Amino acid sequence: MKMKVKAHHPRPTLLLLANPRPQRLHRRDGEEHLASFGKASRVSETAGCVEEHARQRRTAAIADAVLVRFHLDTSATAVEAWSEARLQFEPRGWQVEYRQSLREAIADLDPRAAHGLLAEYLTPDDVFVDVENVLLYNVGTAVFAPVVAVGITCRQGRAPDDRHHVRYRVVESPLAPGGGALIGQVAADLGTGVPKTAGRWWAALRESAVTPQPFRQSAGSDAAFTVDVVLTSPTPARVRLPGLLKPLLDGLISCFHAHDSTNAALLPKRLAAHGLPEHAWDLLVDSATSGLGTRPLVRPYRDGIAWNPADDRCDAFRVVLQAGSPWSIAAELREHVPEAAAPTPW
């Protein structure tokens, strides 16, 4: 039985319990009640009700011994959740219910309360992850569209416990991602529209990329960085920003790598076949703007190519959407300063 709550009532706290018949823990009148959302039992109003109440008491008695997989707290302006494991792109088991609960809670956020979104992920481990995947793509980008009218900030930090925490909060304007020394920056006109793939973004931005002079490789092979982007559009209200983020970030970050020359016999042909400039290979292997280092940046994938920038080292990014003509972009990458971009305490 799916629980519905009116908008003016406090939203429920949801828990998924790891038992054969999943149950949801919700709050009502200051008390906690367990309600089965498996197949409902049909009971009479007499003996059946007594039996059902006894079952609920037995369930409540063992609730502390049941493994809790995830937990959500929601309001009109924020969704906070923790889970025992990071949400995967193709969830299985309890993560399917977790993802659906996140989608429903985010869809209930009030886009009129403000115009941007702050999304945060706190991890208990040192595994490198793409923060935009954990916070956006693994949940599903469509649900975020109403609350990112003027932009979004995503950032990650260290969890205070062994759980994986996420928070989505509607804000007046996207917060700055923080950052230290400049790694590089770009500024480019995009013509009549935005590129659709990482390769096209890279081609549109690469020749405008600049790094501090005298050049130094600002970030080591495992150092973190931040990204700050201003995207100008003649029709910002029509832009589906969540769907643009992945190819935009991949293409932008790739501008500050150099390719390590692997697959030199095959890749130039693949690049040309995908409509990239004739000198694309020369730009790929040029280290003049490789502030993020040299790596196998591009590889053959099926009949095409796949881009492999170090976006898992991006600890925070902001993308601001503003009105203007024509389409254009200005962006910078900076070394990560933990205290400048760290999520606030929860």
C-alpha atoms as a PDB file:
ATOM      1  CA  MET A   1       0.000   0.000   0.000  1.00  0.00           C
ATOM      2  CA  LYS A   2       1.633   3.242  -1.149  1.00  0.00           C
ATOM      3  CA  MET A   3       1.371   5.979   1.414  1.00  0.00           C
ATOM      4  CA  LYS A   4       0.149   9.385   0.235  1.00  0.00           C
ATOM      5  CA  VAL A   5       0.657  12.550   2.253  1.00  0.00           C
ATOM      6  CA  LYS A   6      -0.953  15.895   1.593  1.00  0.00           C
ATOM      7  CA  ALA A   7       1.407  18.726   0.760  1.00  0.00           C
ATOM      8  CA  HIS A   8       0.628  20.713   3.887  1.00  0.00           C
ATOM      9  CA  HIS A   9       1.307  17.799   6.213  1.00  0.00           C
ATOM     10  CA  PRO A  10       4.835  16.797   7.281  1.00  0.00           C
ATOM     11  CA  ARG A  11       6.176  14.300   4.804  1.00  0.00           C
ATOM     12  CA  PRO A  12       6.845  10.776   6.110  1.00  0.00           C
ATOM     13  CA  THR A  13      10.189   9.277   6.977  1.00  0.00           C
ATOM     14  CA  LEU A  14      10.710   6.162   4.851  1.00  0.00           C
ATOM     15  CA  LEU A  15      12.726   3.081   5.728  1.00  0.00           C
ATOM     16  CA  LEU A  16      13.229  -0.109   3.744  1.00  0.00           C
ATOM     17  CA  LEU A  17      13.584  -3.166   5.952  1.00  0.00           C
ATOM     18  CA  ALA A  18      15.445  -6.238   4.756  1.00  0.00           C
ATOM     19  CA  ASN A  19      12.926  -8.994   5.447  1.00  0.00           C
ATOM     20  CA  PRO A  20      10.961 -11.273   3.082  1.00  0.00           C
ATOM     21  CA  ARG A  21       7.988  -8.892   3.114  1.00  0.00           C
ATOM     22  CA  PRO A  22       9.395  -5.316   2.808  1.00  0.00           C
ATOM     23  CA  GLN A  23       7.928  -2.782   5.173  1.00  0.00           C
ATOM     24  CA  ARG A  24       7.926   0.985   5.433  1.00  0.00           C
ATOM     25  CA  LEU A  25       8.352   2.855   8.680  1.00  0.00           C
ATOM     26  CA  HIS A  26       6.431   6.104   8.836  1.00  0.00           C
ATOM     27  CA  ARG A  27       5.532   8.684  11.443  1.00  0.00           C
ATOM     28  CA  ARG A  28       2.017   9.539  12.510  1.00  0.00           C
ATOM     29  CA  ASP A  29       0.909  11.675  15.474  1.00  0.00           C
ATOM     30  CA  GLY A  30       4.388  11.578  16.973  1.00  0.00           C
ATOM     31  CA  GLU A  31       4.592   7.765  17.021  1.00  0.00           C
ATOM     32  CA  GLU A  32       6.271   5.302  14.666  1.00  0.00           C
ATOM     33  CA  HIS A  33       4.117   2.709  12.943  1.00  0.00           C
ATOM     34  CA  LEU A  34       5.048  -0.141  10.647  1.00  0.00           C
ATOM     35  CA  ALA A  35       2.758  -0.531   7.631  1.00  0.00           C
ATOM     36  CA  SER A  36       3.066  -3.444   5.229  1.00  0.00           C
ATOM     37  CA  PHE A  37       3.224  -2.435   1.606  1.00  0.00           C
ATOM     38  CA  GLY A  38       3.204  -6.021   0.361  1.00  0.00           C
ATOM     39  CA  LYS A  39      -0.084  -7.700  -0.407  1.00  0.00           C
ATOM     40  CA  ALA A  40      -2.596  -6.364   2.111  1.00  0.00           C
ATOM     41  CA  SER A  41      -4.296  -8.795   4.447  1.00  0.00           C
ATOM     42  CA  ARG A  42      -8.057  -8.790   4.321  1.00  0.00           C
ATOM     43  CA  VAL A  43      -9.295  -8.920   7.884  1.00  0.00           C
ATOM     44  CA  SER A  44     -12.664  -8.397   9.506  1.00  0.00           C
ATOM     45  CA  GLU A  45     -13.320  -5.500  11.864  1.00  0.00           C
ATOM     46  CA  THR A  46     -13.482  -7.884  14.828  1.00  0.00           C
ATOM     47  CA  ALA A  47     -11.209 -10.877  15.217  1.00  0.00           C
ATOM     48  CA  GLY A  48      -9.260  -9.926  12.108  1.00  0.00           C
ATOM     49  CA  CYS A  49      -8.419  -6.505  13.510  1.00  0.00           C
ATOM     50  CA  VAL A  50      -7.235  -8.000  16.790  1.00  0.00           C
ATOM     51  CA  GLU A  51      -5.010 -10.403  14.898  1.00  0.00           C
ATOM     52  CA  GLU A  52      -3.656  -7.625  12.723  1.00  0.00           C
ATOM     53  CA  HIS A  53      -2.882  -5.412  15.735  1.00  0.00           C
ATOM     54  CA  ALA A  54      -1.075  -8.296  17.400  1.00  0.00           C
ATOM     55  CA  ARG A  55       0.965  -8.826  14.242  1.00  0.00           C
ATOM     56  CA  GLN A  56       1.929  -5.162  14.183  1.00  0.00           C
ATOM     57  CA  ARG A  57       3.045  -5.318  17.814  1.00  0.00           C
ATOM     58  CA  ARG A  58       5.189  -8.381  17.066  1.00  0.00           C
ATOM     59  CA  THR A  59       6.677  -6.620  14.045  1.00  0.00           C
ATOM     60  CA  ALA A  60       7.456  -3.505  16.077  1.00  0.00           C
ATOM     61  CA  ALA A  61       9.104  -5.638  18.750  1.00  0.00           C
ATOM     62  CA  ILE A  62      11.613  -7.051  16.285  1.00  0.00           C
ATOM     63  CA  ALA A  63      12.068  -3.831  14.275  1.00  0.00           C
ATOM     64  CA  ASP A  64      15.357  -3.032  15.988  1.00  0.00           C
ATOM     65  CA  ALA A  65      16.748  -6.370  14.874  1.00  0.00           C
ATOM     66  CA  VAL A  66      15.783  -5.870  11.215  1.00  0.00           C
ATOM     67  CA  LEU A  67      18.457  -4.499   8.890  1.00  0.00           C
ATOM     68  CA  VAL A  68      17.619  -1.005   7.650  1.00  0.00           C
ATOM     69  CA  ARG A  69      18.852  -0.492   4.098  1.00  0.00           C
ATOM     70  CA  PHE A  70      18.019   3.198   3.570  1.00  0.00           C
ATOM     71  CA  HIS A  71      16.307   6.180   5.151  1.00  0.00           C
ATOM     72  CA  LEU A  72      14.774   9.385   3.769  1.00  0.00           C
ATOM     73  CA  ASP A  73      13.721  12.667   5.376  1.00  0.00           C
ATOM     74  CA  THR A  74      11.865  15.114   3.142  1.00  0.00           C
ATOM     75  CA  SER A  75      10.357  18.588   3.129  1.00  0.00           C
ATOM     76  CA  ALA A  76       9.184  21.076   0.505  1.00  0.00           C
ATOM     77  CA  THR A  77      12.734  22.352   0.006  1.00  0.00           C
ATOM     78  CA  ALA A  78      15.047  19.430   0.847  1.00  0.00           C
ATOM     79  CA  VAL A  79      15.530  15.687   0.570  1.00  0.00           C
ATOM     80  CA  GLU A  80      18.088  13.977   2.801  1.00  0.00           C
ATOM     81  CA  ALA A  81      18.827  10.264   2.647  1.00  0.00           C
ATOM     82  CA  TRP A  82      21.338   7.646   3.635  1.00  0.00           C
ATOM     83  CA  SER A  83      21.840   4.121   2.397  1.00  0.00           C
ATOM     84  CA  GLU A  84      24.095   1.217   3.262  1.00  0.00           C
ATOM     85  CA  ALA A  85      25.552   1.181  -0.270  1.00  0.00           C
ATOM     86  CA  ARG A  86      26.029   3.694  -3.079  1.00  0.00           C
ATOM     87  CA  LEU A  87      23.087   3.838  -5.496  1.00  0.00           C
ATOM     88  CA  GLN A  88      24.002   2.067  -8.737  1.00  0.00           C
ATOM     89  CA  PHE A  89      23.030   3.047 -12.287  1.00  0.00           C
ATOM     90  CA  GLU A  90      21.148  -0.228 -12.726  1.00  0.00           C
ATOM     91  CA  PRO A  91      19.893  -0.919  -9.203  1.00  0.00           C
ATOM     92  CA  ARG A  92      18.824  -4.334  -7.987  1.00  0.00           C
ATOM     93  CA  GLY A  93      17.006  -5.577  -4.930  1.00  0.00           C
ATOM     94  CA  TRP A  94      16.326  -2.924  -2.300  1.00  0.00           C
ATOM     95  CA  GLN A  95      18.045  -0.238  -4.391  1.00  0.00           C
ATOM     96  CA  VAL A  96      15.129  -0.285  -6.845  1.00  0.00           C
ATOM     97  CA  GLU A  97      12.805   0.863  -4.053  1.00  0.00           C
ATOM     98  CA  TYR A  98      15.435   3.340  -2.833  1.00  0.00           C
ATOM     99  CA  ARG A  99      15.740   4.945  -6.259  1.00  0.00           C
ATOM    100  CA  GLN A 100      11.976   5.170  -6.630  1.00  0.00           C
ATOM    101  CA  SER A 101      11.664   6.765  -3.188  1.00  0.00           C
ATOM    102  CA  LEU A 102      14.313   9.340  -4.121  1.00  0.00           C
ATOM    103  CA  ARG A 103      12.546  10.123  -7.393  1.00  0.00           C
ATOM    104  CA  GLU A 104       9.217  10.645  -5.676  1.00  0.00           C
ATOM    105  CA  ALA A 105      10.710  12.831  -2.953  1.00  0.00           C
ATOM    106  CA  ILE A 106      12.662  14.996  -5.437  1.00  0.00           C
ATOM    107  CA  ALA A 107       9.558  15.355  -7.605  1.00  0.00           C
ATOM    108  CA  ASP A 108       7.777  16.778  -4.527  1.00  0.00           C
ATOM    109  CA  LEU A 109      10.322  19.579  -4.081  1.00  0.00           C
ATOM    110  CA  ASP A 110       8.779  23.004  -4.587  1.00  0.00           C
ATOM    111  CA  PRO A 111      10.426  24.698  -7.595  1.00  0.00           C
ATOM    112  CA  ARG A 112       8.795  28.012  -6.632  1.00  0.00           C
ATOM    113  CA  ALA A 113      10.757  28.146  -3.387  1.00  0.00           C
ATOM    114  CA  ALA A 114      13.895  29.126  -5.340  1.00  0.00           C
ATOM    115  CA  HIS A 115      15.507  28.528  -8.669  1.00  0.00           C
ATOM    116  CA  GLY A 116      18.556  26.312  -8.240  1.00  0.00           C
ATOM    117  CA  LEU A 117      19.630  23.062  -6.638  1.00  0.00           C
ATOM    118  CA  LEU A 118      22.440  22.080  -4.297  1.00  0.00           C
ATOM    119  CA  ALA A 119      23.141  18.333  -4.475  1.00  0.00           C
ATOM    120  CA  GLU A 120      25.627  16.737  -2.082  1.00  0.00           C
ATOM    121  CA  TYR A 121      27.082  13.265  -1.635  1.00  0.00           C
ATOM    122  CA  LEU A 122      29.032  12.091   1.412  1.00  0.00           C
ATOM    123  CA  THR A 123      30.964   8.860   1.023  1.00  0.00           C
ATOM    124  CA  PRO A 124      32.439   6.596   3.717  1.00  0.00           C
ATOM    125  CA  ASP A 125      35.177   5.213   1.435  1.00  0.00           C
ATOM    126  CA  ASP A 126      37.993   6.387  -0.827  1.00  0.00           C
ATOM    127  CA  VAL A 127      36.583   4.976  -4.060  1.00  0.00           C
ATOM    128  CA  PHE A 128      36.681   7.512  -6.896  1.00  0.00           C
ATOM    129  CA  VAL A 129      33.206   8.095  -8.346  1.00  0.00           C
ATOM    130  CA  ASP A 130      31.671  10.532 -10.803  1.00  0.00           C
ATOM    131  CA  VAL A 131      29.698  12.805  -8.505  1.00  0.00           C
ATOM    132  CA  GLU A 132      27.194  13.660 -11.260  1.00  0.00           C
ATOM    133  CA  ASN A 133      26.485   9.950 -11.729  1.00  0.00           C
ATOM    134  CA  VAL A 134      25.823   9.277  -8.049  1.00  0.00           C
ATOM    135  CA  LEU A 135      23.680  12.366  -7.504  1.00  0.00           C
ATOM    136  CA  LEU A 136      21.888  12.727 -10.841  1.00  0.00           C
ATOM    137  CA  TYR A 137      22.224  10.052 -13.500  1.00  0.00           C
ATOM    138  CA  ASN A 138      21.802   7.048 -11.199  1.00  0.00           C
ATOM    139  CA  VAL A 139      18.587   8.609  -9.895  1.00  0.00           C
ATOM    140  CA  GLY A 140      17.331   9.710 -13.330  1.00  0.00           C
ATOM    141  CA  THR A 141      17.881  13.216 -14.727  1.00  0.00           C
ATOM    142  CA  ALA A 142      14.286  13.976 -15.762  1.00  0.00           C
ATOM    143  CA  VAL A 143      13.074  14.400 -12.189  1.00  0.00           C
ATOM    144  CA  PHE A 144      15.527  17.266 -11.554  1.00  0.00           C
ATOM    145  CA  ALA A 145      14.428  19.536 -14.427  1.00  0.00           C
ATOM    146  CA  PRO A 146      11.870  21.634 -12.471  1.00  0.00           C
ATOM    147  CA  VAL A 147      14.336  22.591  -9.720  1.00  0.00           C
ATOM    148  CA  VAL A 148      17.387  23.613 -11.780  1.00  0.00           C
ATOM    149  CA  ALA A 149      15.931  26.621 -13.609  1.00  0.00           C
ATOM    150  CA  VAL A 150      19.039  28.761 -13.039  1.00  0.00           C
ATOM    151  CA  GLY A 151      21.594  26.056 -12.366  1.00  0.00           C
ATOM    152  CA  ILE A 152      22.954  23.376 -10.094  1.00  0.00           C
ATOM    153  CA  THR A 153      25.874  22.723  -7.765  1.00  0.00           C
ATOM    154  CA  CYS A 154      27.022  19.174  -7.042  1.00  0.00           C
ATOM    155  CA  ARG A 155      29.729  18.365  -4.530  1.00  0.00           C
ATOM    156  CA  GLN A 156      31.029  15.489  -2.473  1.00  0.00           C
ATOM    157  CA  GLY A 157      32.746  15.029   0.860  1.00  0.00           C
ATOM    158  CA  ARG A 158      33.492  12.536   3.583  1.00  0.00           C
ATOM    159  CA  ALA A 159      30.691  10.803   5.487  1.00  0.00           C
ATOM    160  CA  PRO A 160      30.701  10.939   9.292  1.00  0.00           C
ATOM    161  CA  ASP A 161      29.833   7.222   9.482  1.00  0.00           C
ATOM    162  CA  ASP A 162      29.850   4.095   7.313  1.00  0.00           C
ATOM    163  CA  ARG A 163      26.782   5.117   5.309  1.00  0.00           C
ATOM    164  CA  HIS A 164      26.363   6.813   1.945  1.00  0.00           C
ATOM    165  CA  HIS A 165      24.535  10.139   2.341  1.00  0.00           C
ATOM    166  CA  VAL A 166      22.844  12.316  -0.286  1.00  0.00           C
ATOM    167  CA  ARG A 167      21.093  15.640   0.096  1.00  0.00           C
ATOM    168  CA  TYR A 168      19.145  17.754  -2.414  1.00  0.00           C
ATOM    169  CA  ARG A 169      18.266  21.285  -1.368  1.00  0.00           C
ATOM    170  CA  VAL A 170      16.459  24.029  -3.301  1.00  0.00           C
ATOM    171  CA  VAL A 171      18.479  27.261  -3.109  1.00  0.00           C
ATOM    172  CA  GLU A 172      18.199  30.870  -4.242  1.00  0.00           C
ATOM    173  CA  SER A 173      21.144  30.437  -6.612  1.00  0.00           C
ATOM    174  CA  PRO A 174      23.717  27.678  -7.137  1.00  0.00           C
ATOM    175  CA  LEU A 175      26.575  27.855  -4.646  1.00  0.00           C
ATOM    176  CA  ALA A 176      30.139  28.378  -5.833  1.00  0.00           C
ATOM    177  CA  PRO A 177      32.079  25.102  -5.961  1.00  0.00           C
ATOM    178  CA  GLY A 178      35.144  26.512  -4.222  1.00  0.00           C
ATOM    179  CA  GLY A 179      38.649  25.891  -5.380  1.00  0.00           C
ATOM    180  CA  GLY A 180      42.230  27.055  -5.201  1.00  0.00           C
ATOM    181  CA  ALA A 181      44.853  27.617  -7.877  1.00  0.00           C
ATOM    182  CA  LEU A 182      43.630  27.914 -11.452  1.00  0.00           C
ATOM    183  CA  ILE A 183      44.179  24.826 -13.632  1.00  0.00           C
ATOM    184  CA  GLY A 184      42.653  26.215 -16.823  1.00  0.00           C
ATOM    185  CA  GLN A 185      39.762  28.074 -18.364  1.00  0.00           C
ATOM    186  CA  VAL A 186      37.729  28.268 -21.566  1.00  0.00           C
ATOM    187  CA  ALA A 187      35.445  30.834 -23.207  1.00  0.00           C
ATOM    188  CA  ALA A 188      33.691  30.072 -26.479  1.00  0.00           C
ATOM    189  CA  ASP A 189      30.695  30.993 -28.605  1.00  0.00           C
ATOM    190  CA  LEU A 190      28.548  27.960 -29.362  1.00  0.00           C
ATOM    191  CA  GLY A 191      26.526  29.343 -32.258  1.00  0.00           C
ATOM    192  CA  THR A 192      22.890  28.316 -32.495  1.00  0.00           C
ATOM    193  CA  GLY A 193      22.909  25.488 -29.956  1.00  0.00           C
ATOM    194  CA  VAL A 194      24.870  23.297 -27.602  1.00  0.00           C
ATOM    195  CA  PRO A 195      26.890  20.201 -28.579  1.00  0.00           C
ATOM    196  CA  LYS A 196      25.256  16.854 -27.844  1.00  0.00           C
ATOM    197  CA  THR A 197      28.273  14.625 -27.170  1.00  0.00           C
ATOM    198  CA  ALA A 198      31.480  14.810 -25.165  1.00  0.00           C
ATOM    199  CA  GLY A 199      33.517  14.825 -28.384  1.00  0.00           C
ATOM    200  CA  ARG A 200      31.602  17.746 -29.843  1.00  0.00           C
ATOM    201  CA  TRP A 201      31.952  19.683 -26.584  1.00  0.00           C
ATOM    202  CA  TRP A 202      35.701  19.014 -26.581  1.00  0.00           C
ATOM    203  CA  ALA A 203      35.971  20.178 -30.209  1.00  0.00           C
ATOM    204  CA  ALA A 204      33.985  23.341 -29.448  1.00  0.00           C
ATOM    205  CA  LEU A 205      36.113  24.256 -26.425  1.00  0.00           C
ATOM    206  CA  ARG A 206      39.608  22.854 -26.918  1.00  0.00           C
ATOM    207  CA  GLU A 207      41.098  25.676 -28.980  1.00  0.00           C
ATOM    208  CA  SER A 208      39.862  28.289 -26.498  1.00  0.00           C
ATOM    209  CA  ALA A 209      41.393  26.433 -23.525  1.00  0.00           C
ATOM    210  CA  VAL A 210      44.189  28.254 -21.734  1.00  0.00           C
ATOM    211  CA  THR A 211      46.299  27.418 -18.693  1.00  0.00           C
ATOM    212  CA  PRO A 212      48.271  29.657 -16.331  1.00  0.00           C
ATOM    213  CA  GLN A 213      51.625  30.849 -17.619  1.00  0.00           C
ATOM    214  CA  PRO A 214      54.288  29.784 -17.028  1.00  0.00           C
ATOM    215  CA  PHE A 215      52.600  26.432 -17.513  1.00  0.00           C
ATOM    216  CA  ARG A 216      52.703  23.847 -14.776  1.00  0.00           C
ATOM    217  CA  GLN A 217      50.784  20.634 -14.376  1.00  0.00           C
ATOM    218  CA  SER A 218      48.542  21.966 -11.636  1.00  0.00           C
ATOM    219  CA  ALA A 219      47.055  18.694 -10.424  1.00  0.00           C
ATOM    220  CA  GLY A 220      48.793  15.405  -9.939  1.00  0.00           C
ATOM    221  CA  SER A 221      47.497  12.123 -11.260  1.00  0.00           C
ATOM    222  CA  ASP A 222      45.183  11.657  -8.276  1.00  0.00           C
ATOM    223  CA  ALA A 223      44.504  15.235  -7.148  1.00  0.00           C
ATOM    224  CA  ALA A 224      40.940  16.547  -6.975  1.00  0.00           C
ATOM    225  CA  PHE A 225      39.606  19.657  -8.722  1.00  0.00           C
ATOM    226  CA  THR A 226      36.473  21.785  -9.089  1.00  0.00           C
ATOM    227  CA  VAL A 227      34.621  23.067 -12.157  1.00  0.00           C
ATOM    228  CA  ASP A 228      32.657  26.312 -12.500  1.00  0.00           C
ATOM    229  CA  VAL A 229      30.578  26.921 -15.633  1.00  0.00           C
ATOM    230  CA  VAL A 230      28.364  29.754 -16.894  1.00  0.00           C
ATOM    231  CA  LEU A 231      26.220  28.688 -19.850  1.00  0.00           C
ATOM    232  CA  THR A 232      24.415  31.420 -21.794  1.00  0.00           C
ATOM    233  CA  SER A 233      21.298  30.627 -23.800  1.00  0.00           C
ATOM    234  CA  PRO A 234      18.818  32.741 -25.782  1.00  0.00           C
ATOM    235  CA  THR A 235      16.029  30.576 -24.319  1.00  0.00           C
ATOM    236  CA  PRO A 236      17.157  29.394 -20.862  1.00  0.00           C
ATOM    237  CA  ALA A 237      13.628  28.349 -19.838  1.00  0.00           C
ATOM    238  CA  ARG A 238      13.668  25.691 -22.558  1.00  0.00           C
ATOM    239  CA  VAL A 239      17.058  24.214 -21.642  1.00  0.00           C
ATOM    240  CA  ARG A 240      16.976  20.731 -20.101  1.00  0.00           C
ATOM    241  CA  LEU A 241      20.093  21.292 -18.034  1.00  0.00           C
ATOM    242  CA  PRO A 242      20.341  17.900 -16.234  1.00  0.00           C
ATOM    243  CA  GLY A 243      20.658  16.047 -19.531  1.00  0.00           C
ATOM    244  CA  LEU A 244      23.439  18.358 -20.735  1.00  0.00           C
ATOM    245  CA  LEU A 245      25.719  17.956 -17.753  1.00  0.00           C
ATOM    246  CA  LYS A 246      27.429  14.643 -18.491  1.00  0.00           C
ATOM    247  CA  PRO A 247      28.652  15.378 -22.049  1.00  0.00           C
ATOM    248  CA  LEU A 248      29.438  18.991 -21.118  1.00  0.00           C
ATOM    249  CA  LEU A 249      31.617  18.021 -18.154  1.00  0.00           C
ATOM    250  CA  ASP A 250      33.346  15.187 -20.023  1.00  0.00           C
ATOM    251  CA  GLY A 251      34.166  17.422 -22.982  1.00  0.00           C
ATOM    252  CA  LEU A 252      35.273  20.339 -20.817  1.00  0.00           C
ATOM    253  CA  ILE A 253      37.512  18.278 -18.525  1.00  0.00           C
ATOM    254  CA  SER A 254      39.033  16.531 -21.561  1.00  0.00           C
ATOM    255  CA  CYS A 255      40.341  19.919 -22.742  1.00  0.00           C
ATOM    256  CA  PHE A 256      42.841  19.832 -19.859  1.00  0.00           C
ATOM    257  CA  HIS A 257      44.231  16.365 -20.581  1.00  0.00           C
ATOM    258  CA  ALA A 258      46.591  15.159 -23.268  1.00  0.00           C
ATOM    259  CA  HIS A 259      46.041  11.787 -24.922  1.00  0.00           C
ATOM    260  CA  ASP A 260      48.875   9.301 -24.435  1.00  0.00           C
ATOM    261  CA  SER A 261      49.031   8.400 -28.178  1.00  0.00           C
ATOM    262  CA  THR A 262      47.562   4.902 -27.778  1.00  0.00           C
ATOM    263  CA  ASN A 263      45.573   3.559 -30.761  1.00  0.00           C
ATOM    264  CA  ALA A 264      47.304   6.070 -33.022  1.00  0.00           C
ATOM    265  CA  ALA A 265      46.555   4.059 -36.163  1.00  0.00           C
ATOM    266  CA  LEU A 266      42.810   3.852 -35.559  1.00  0.00           C
ATOM    267  CA  LEU A 267      41.680   6.886 -33.603  1.00  0.00           C
ATOM    268  CA  PRO A 268      42.328   9.635 -36.203  1.00  0.00           C
ATOM    269  CA  LYS A 269      39.905   7.892 -38.566  1.00  0.00           C
ATOM    270  CA  ARG A 270      37.320   7.459 -35.827  1.00  0.00           C
ATOM    271  CA  LEU A 271      37.602  11.119 -34.832  1.00  0.00           C
ATOM    272  CA  ALA A 272      37.034  12.234 -38.431  1.00  0.00           C
ATOM    273  CA  ALA A 273      34.100   9.844 -38.821  1.00  0.00           C
ATOM    274  CA  HIS A 274      32.419  11.533 -35.870  1.00  0.00           C
ATOM    275  CA  GLY A 275      32.690  14.970 -37.445  1.00  0.00           C
ATOM    276  CA  LEU A 276      35.591  16.269 -35.371  1.00  0.00           C
ATOM    277  CA  PRO A 277      38.132  18.644 -36.958  1.00  0.00           C
ATOM    278  CA  GLU A 278      40.850  17.330 -39.250  1.00  0.00           C
ATOM    279  CA  HIS A 279      43.496  18.363 -36.733  1.00  0.00           C
ATOM    280  CA  ALA A 280      41.645  16.725 -33.819  1.00  0.00           C
ATOM    281  CA  TRP A 281      44.367  14.110 -33.332  1.00  0.00           C
ATOM    282  CA  ASP A 282      47.055  16.787 -33.102  1.00  0.00           C
ATOM    283  CA  LEU A 283      45.014  18.625 -30.471  1.00  0.00           C
ATOM    284  CA  LEU A 284      44.462  15.413 -28.512  1.00  0.00           C
ATOM    285  CA  VAL A 285      48.145  14.651 -28.093  1.00  0.00           C
ATOM    286  CA  ASP A 286      49.178  18.293 -27.560  1.00  0.00           C
ATOM    287  CA  SER A 287      50.169  18.763 -23.909  1.00  0.00           C
ATOM    288  CA  ALA A 288      50.005  22.577 -23.935  1.00  0.00           C
ATOM    289  CA  THR A 289      46.853  22.625 -21.774  1.00  0.00           C
ATOM    290  CA  SER A 290      47.208  19.283 -19.988  1.00  0.00           C
ATOM    291  CA  GLY A 291      46.866  20.648 -16.469  1.00  0.00           C
ATOM    292  CA  LEU A 292      45.152  17.416 -15.436  1.00  0.00           C
ATOM    293  CA  GLY A 293      47.856  15.207 -16.924  1.00  0.00           C
ATOM    294  CA  THR A 294      48.318  12.738 -19.781  1.00  0.00           C
ATOM    295  CA  ARG A 295      46.162   9.601 -19.950  1.00  0.00           C
ATOM    296  CA  PRO A 296      44.382   7.318 -22.437  1.00  0.00           C
ATOM    297  CA  LEU A 297      41.839  10.062 -23.057  1.00  0.00           C
ATOM    298  CA  VAL A 298      40.057   8.451 -25.998  1.00  0.00           C
ATOM    299  CA  ARG A 299      39.655   4.793 -26.912  1.00  0.00           C
ATOM    300  CA  PRO A 300      37.872   2.849 -29.622  1.00  0.00           C
ATOM    301  CA  TYR A 301      34.417   1.703 -28.530  1.00  0.00           C
ATOM    302  CA  ARG A 302      32.409  -0.564 -30.848  1.00  0.00           C
ATOM    303  CA  ASP A 303      32.232   1.414 -34.108  1.00  0.00           C
ATOM    304  CA  GLY A 304      32.896   4.738 -32.400  1.00  0.00           C
ATOM    305  CA  ILE A 305      34.958   6.259 -29.621  1.00  0.00           C
ATOM    306  CA  ALA A 306      34.656   6.691 -25.859  1.00  0.00           C
ATOM    307  CA  TRP A 307      36.060   9.591 -23.841  1.00  0.00           C
ATOM    308  CA  ASN A 308      37.824   8.928 -20.562  1.00  0.00           C
ATOM    309  CA  PRO A 309      38.621  12.159 -18.676  1.00  0.00           C
ATOM    310  CA  ALA A 310      39.341  12.100 -14.964  1.00  0.00           C
ATOM    311  CA  ASP A 311      35.885  13.364 -14.011  1.00  0.00           C
ATOM    312  CA  ASP A 312      35.956  11.039 -11.010  1.00  0.00           C
ATOM    313  CA  ARG A 313      38.460  13.515  -9.522  1.00  0.00           C
ATOM    314  CA  CYS A 314      35.945  16.362  -9.780  1.00  0.00           C
ATOM    315  CA  ASP A 315      34.832  16.891  -6.189  1.00  0.00           C
ATOM    316  CA  ALA A 316      32.515  19.818  -6.912  1.00  0.00           C
ATOM    317  CA  PHE A 317      31.019  21.584  -9.892  1.00  0.00           C
ATOM    318  CA  ARG A 318      28.579  24.392 -10.578  1.00  0.00           C
ATOM    319  CA  VAL A 319      26.716  25.074 -13.814  1.00  0.00           C
ATOM    320  CA  VAL A 320      24.826  28.380 -13.969  1.00  0.00           C
ATOM    321  CA  LEU A 321      22.319  29.052 -16.741  1.00  0.00           C
ATOM    322  CA  GLN A 322      21.706  32.639 -17.837  1.00  0.00           C
ATOM    323  CA  ALA A 323      19.886  34.452 -20.607  1.00  0.00           C
ATOM    324  CA  GLY A 324      21.820  35.939 -23.520  1.00  0.00           C
ATOM    325  CA  SER A 325      22.583  35.569 -27.199  1.00  0.00           C
ATOM    326  CA  PRO A 326      24.183  33.726 -28.843  1.00  0.00           C
ATOM    327  CA  TRP A 327      24.818  30.450 -27.059  1.00  0.00           C
ATOM    328  CA  SER A 328      28.147  30.689 -25.224  1.00  0.00           C
ATOM    329  CA  ILE A 329      30.104  29.192 -22.357  1.00  0.00           C
ATOM    330  CA  ALA A 330      32.727  30.368 -19.903  1.00  0.00           C
ATOM    331  CA  ALA A 331      34.304  27.886 -17.492  1.00  0.00           C
ATOM    332  CA  GLU A 332      37.277  27.317 -15.241  1.00  0.00           C
ATOM    333  CA  LEU A 333      38.886  24.413 -13.417  1.00  0.00           C
ATOM    334  CA  ARG A 334      40.644  24.922 -10.111  1.00  0.00           C
ATOM    335  CA  GLU A 335      42.534  22.772  -7.668  1.00  0.00           C
ATOM    336  CA  HIS A 336      40.246  21.447  -4.981  1.00  0.00           C
ATOM    337  CA  VAL A 337      40.437  23.125  -1.569  1.00  0.00           C
ATOM    338  CA  PRO A 338      38.491  20.815   0.791  1.00  0.00           C
ATOM    339  CA  GLU A 339      37.412  23.458   3.283  1.00  0.00           C
ATOM    340  CA  ALA A 340      36.178  25.748   0.499  1.00  0.00           C
ATOM    341  CA  ALA A 341      33.789  23.260  -1.094  1.00  0.00           C
ATOM    342  CA  ALA A 342      33.009  20.894   1.768  1.00  0.00           C
ATOM    343  CA  PRO A 343      29.326  20.085   2.313  1.00  0.00           C
ATOM    344  CA  THR A 344      27.813  21.723   5.359  1.00  0.00           C
ATOM    345  CA  PRO A 345      27.056  19.523   8.405  1.00  0.00           C
ATOM    346  CA  TRP A 346      23.812  17.582   8.209  1.00  0.00           C
END
